[in-house]
C-alpha atoms as a PDB file:
ATOM      1  CA  MET A   1      27.827   8.792 -28.980  1.00  0.00           C
ATOM      2  CA  SER A   2      30.586  10.716 -27.563  1.00  0.00           C
ATOM      3  CA  SER A   3      31.312  10.920 -23.756  1.00  0.00           C
ATOM      4  CA  ALA A   4      31.520  14.085 -22.224  1.00  0.00           C
ATOM      5  CA  ALA A   5      35.553  13.884 -22.065  1.00  0.00           C
ATOM      6  CA  ASP A   6      35.140  13.264 -25.687  1.00  0.00           C
ATOM      7  CA  ARG A   7      32.944  16.002 -26.442  1.00  0.00           C
ATOM      8  CA  SER A   8      35.214  18.551 -24.133  1.00  0.00           C
ATOM      9  CA  THR A   9      38.004  17.224 -25.965  1.00  0.00           C
ATOM     10  CA  LYS A  10      37.065  17.656 -29.361  1.00  0.00           C
ATOM     11  CA  ILE A  11      35.976  21.176 -28.378  1.00  0.00           C
ATOM     12  CA  LEU A  12      39.076  22.151 -27.181  1.00  0.00           C
ATOM     13  CA  THR A  13      41.377  20.642 -30.188  1.00  0.00           C
ATOM     14  CA  ALA A  14      38.866  22.412 -32.755  1.00  0.00           C
ATOM     15  CA  LEU A  15      39.254  25.418 -31.064  1.00  0.00           C
ATOM     16  CA  ARG A  16      43.078  25.206 -30.389  1.00  0.00           C
ATOM     17  CA  GLN A  17      43.604  24.462 -34.052  1.00  0.00           C
ATOM     18  CA  ALA A  18      41.010  28.090 -35.084  1.00  0.00           C
ATOM     19  CA  PHE A  19      42.448  30.218 -32.502  1.00  0.00           C
ATOM     20  CA  PRO A  20      46.158  28.854 -31.291  1.00  0.00           C
ATOM     21  CA  THR A  21      47.186  31.810 -29.029  1.00  0.00           C
ATOM     22  CA  ALA A  22      43.964  31.735 -27.031  1.00  0.00           C
ATOM     23  CA  GLU A  23      43.461  30.976 -23.656  1.00  0.00           C
ATOM     24  CA  LEU A  24      40.491  29.016 -23.387  1.00  0.00           C
ATOM     25  CA  ALA A  25      38.295  27.513 -20.465  1.00  0.00           C
ATOM     26  CA  LEU A  26      35.522  24.926 -21.286  1.00  0.00           C
ATOM     27  CA  SER A  27      33.094  23.746 -18.527  1.00  0.00           C
ATOM     28  CA  ASP A  28      30.453  21.115 -19.482  1.00  0.00           C
ATOM     29  CA  GLU A  29      27.243  21.788 -17.780  1.00  0.00           C
ATOM     30  CA  SER A  30      25.561  18.659 -19.201  1.00  0.00           C
ATOM     31  CA  HIS A  31      25.124  17.775 -15.386  1.00  0.00           C
ATOM     32  CA  LEU A  32      22.566  20.861 -14.919  1.00  0.00           C
ATOM     33  CA  HIS A  33      20.213  19.484 -18.119  1.00  0.00           C
ATOM     34  CA  ARG A  34      19.648  16.013 -17.415  1.00  0.00           C
ATOM     35  CA  GLY A  35      16.348  15.509 -18.837  1.00  0.00           C
ATOM     36  CA  HIS A  36      16.776  18.170 -21.489  1.00  0.00           C
ATOM     37  CA  ALA A  37      16.001  17.842 -25.133  1.00  0.00           C
ATOM     38  CA  GLY A  38      20.079  18.168 -25.781  1.00  0.00           C
ATOM     39  CA  ALA A  39      21.122  15.812 -23.199  1.00  0.00           C
ATOM     40  CA  ARG A  40      18.455  12.826 -24.717  1.00  0.00           C
ATOM     41  CA  GLU A  41      20.438  13.555 -27.760  1.00  0.00           C
ATOM     42  CA  GLY A  42      23.500  12.336 -26.133  1.00  0.00           C
ATOM     43  CA  LYS A  43      24.836  16.165 -27.088  1.00  0.00           C
ATOM     44  CA  GLY A  44      25.863  18.638 -24.342  1.00  0.00           C
ATOM     45  CA  HIS A  45      26.001  22.104 -22.765  1.00  0.00           C
ATOM     46  CA  PHE A  46      29.195  24.053 -22.340  1.00  0.00           C
ATOM     47  CA  ARG A  47      30.182  27.414 -20.537  1.00  0.00           C
ATOM     48  CA  LEU A  48      33.039  28.676 -22.922  1.00  0.00           C
ATOM     49  CA  SER A  49      35.576  31.791 -22.463  1.00  0.00           C
ATOM     50  CA  ILE A  50      38.183  32.389 -24.530  1.00  0.00           C
ATOM     51  CA  THR A  51      40.391  35.208 -24.868  1.00  0.00           C
ATOM     52  CA  THR A  52      42.589  35.887 -28.018  1.00  0.00           C
ATOM     53  CA  PRO A  53      44.418  38.489 -29.726  1.00  0.00           C
ATOM     54  CA  GLU A  54      42.271  37.676 -32.523  1.00  0.00           C
ATOM     55  CA  PHE A  55      39.056  39.223 -31.578  1.00  0.00           C
ATOM     56  CA  ALA A  56      40.635  42.787 -30.888  1.00  0.00           C
ATOM     57  CA  GLY A  57      38.586  45.421 -32.536  1.00  0.00           C
ATOM     58  CA  LEU A  58      35.739  42.647 -33.184  1.00  0.00           C
ATOM     59  CA  ALA A  59      32.479  43.181 -31.586  1.00  0.00           C
ATOM     60  CA  PRO A  60      30.589  40.170 -29.535  1.00  0.00           C
ATOM     61  CA  LEU A  61      28.514  39.085 -32.137  1.00  0.00           C
ATOM     62  CA  ALA A  62      30.974  38.798 -34.567  1.00  0.00           C
ATOM     63  CA  ARG A  63      33.381  37.071 -31.650  1.00  0.00           C
ATOM     64  CA  HIS A  64      30.680  34.177 -31.420  1.00  0.00           C
ATOM     65  CA  ARG A  65      29.950  34.077 -35.198  1.00  0.00           C
ATOM     66  CA  ARG A  66      34.323  32.939 -35.659  1.00  0.00           C
ATOM     67  CA  VAL A  67      33.466  30.722 -32.033  1.00  0.00           C
ATOM     68  CA  PHE A  68      30.846  29.125 -34.229  1.00  0.00           C
ATOM     69  CA  ALA A  69      32.465  28.837 -37.404  1.00  0.00           C
ATOM     70  CA  ALA A  70      35.263  26.804 -35.690  1.00  0.00           C
ATOM     71  CA  LEU A  71      32.810  24.810 -34.319  1.00  0.00           C
ATOM     72  CA  GLU A  72      30.799  24.389 -36.636  1.00  0.00           C
ATOM     73  CA  ALA A  73      30.983  20.477 -37.453  1.00  0.00           C
ATOM     74  CA  LEU A  74      30.675  19.626 -33.752  1.00  0.00           C
ATOM     75  CA  MET A  75      27.606  21.546 -33.596  1.00  0.00           C
ATOM     76  CA  ALA A  76      25.643  18.826 -35.119  1.00  0.00           C
ATOM     77  CA  SER A  77      27.124  16.129 -33.494  1.00  0.00           C
ATOM     78  CA  ASP A  78      28.267  17.419 -29.694  1.00  0.00           C
ATOM     79  CA  ILE A  79      27.293  20.499 -28.971  1.00  0.00           C
ATOM     80  CA  HIS A  80      23.395  21.691 -27.931  1.00  0.00           C
ATOM     81  CA  ALA A  81      24.216  24.570 -26.328  1.00  0.00           C
ATOM     82  CA  LEU A  82      26.971  26.707 -26.055  1.00  0.00           C
ATOM     83  CA  SER A  83      27.554  29.725 -23.734  1.00  0.00           C
ATOM     84  CA  ILE A  84      30.261  31.958 -25.007  1.00  0.00           C
ATOM     85  CA  ASP A  85      32.520  34.978 -23.196  1.00  0.00           C
ATOM     86  CA  ALA A  86      34.749  35.938 -25.988  1.00  0.00           C
ATOM     87  CA  ARG A  87      37.320  38.681 -25.264  1.00  0.00           C
ATOM     88  CA  ALA A  88      40.347  40.615 -26.667  1.00  0.00           C
ATOM     89  CA  PRO A  89      43.349  40.545 -24.228  1.00  0.00           C
ATOM     90  CA  VAL A  90      43.475  43.884 -22.349  1.00  0.00           C
ATOM     91  CA  VAL A  91      46.728  46.132 -23.702  1.00  0.00           C
ATOM     92  CA  PRO A  92      47.940  48.196 -20.634  1.00  0.00           C
ATOM     93  CA  ASP A  93      48.288  51.800 -21.477  1.00  0.00           C
ATOM     94  CA  ALA A  94      51.671  52.729 -22.706  1.00  0.00           C
END
């Protein structure tokens, strides 16, 4: 079973590999879900904010699918729940 810090490190590493230019913020909210099924299984509840140019032109669902694809292996072992705020950078008008 992974510790909370190990899970966070694994998630950030996988996301940095998939989205090298992304701005990432990850919060482990597992402590808010003690007693919940995921907590009993040794998995965590996380909140992710990710901003990357790779999301430009993609619908929110497509952005989420890209994040879940990057974390596919960890969804089975380390992540019970993941709240995602996925954005493309705002480009100022020229």
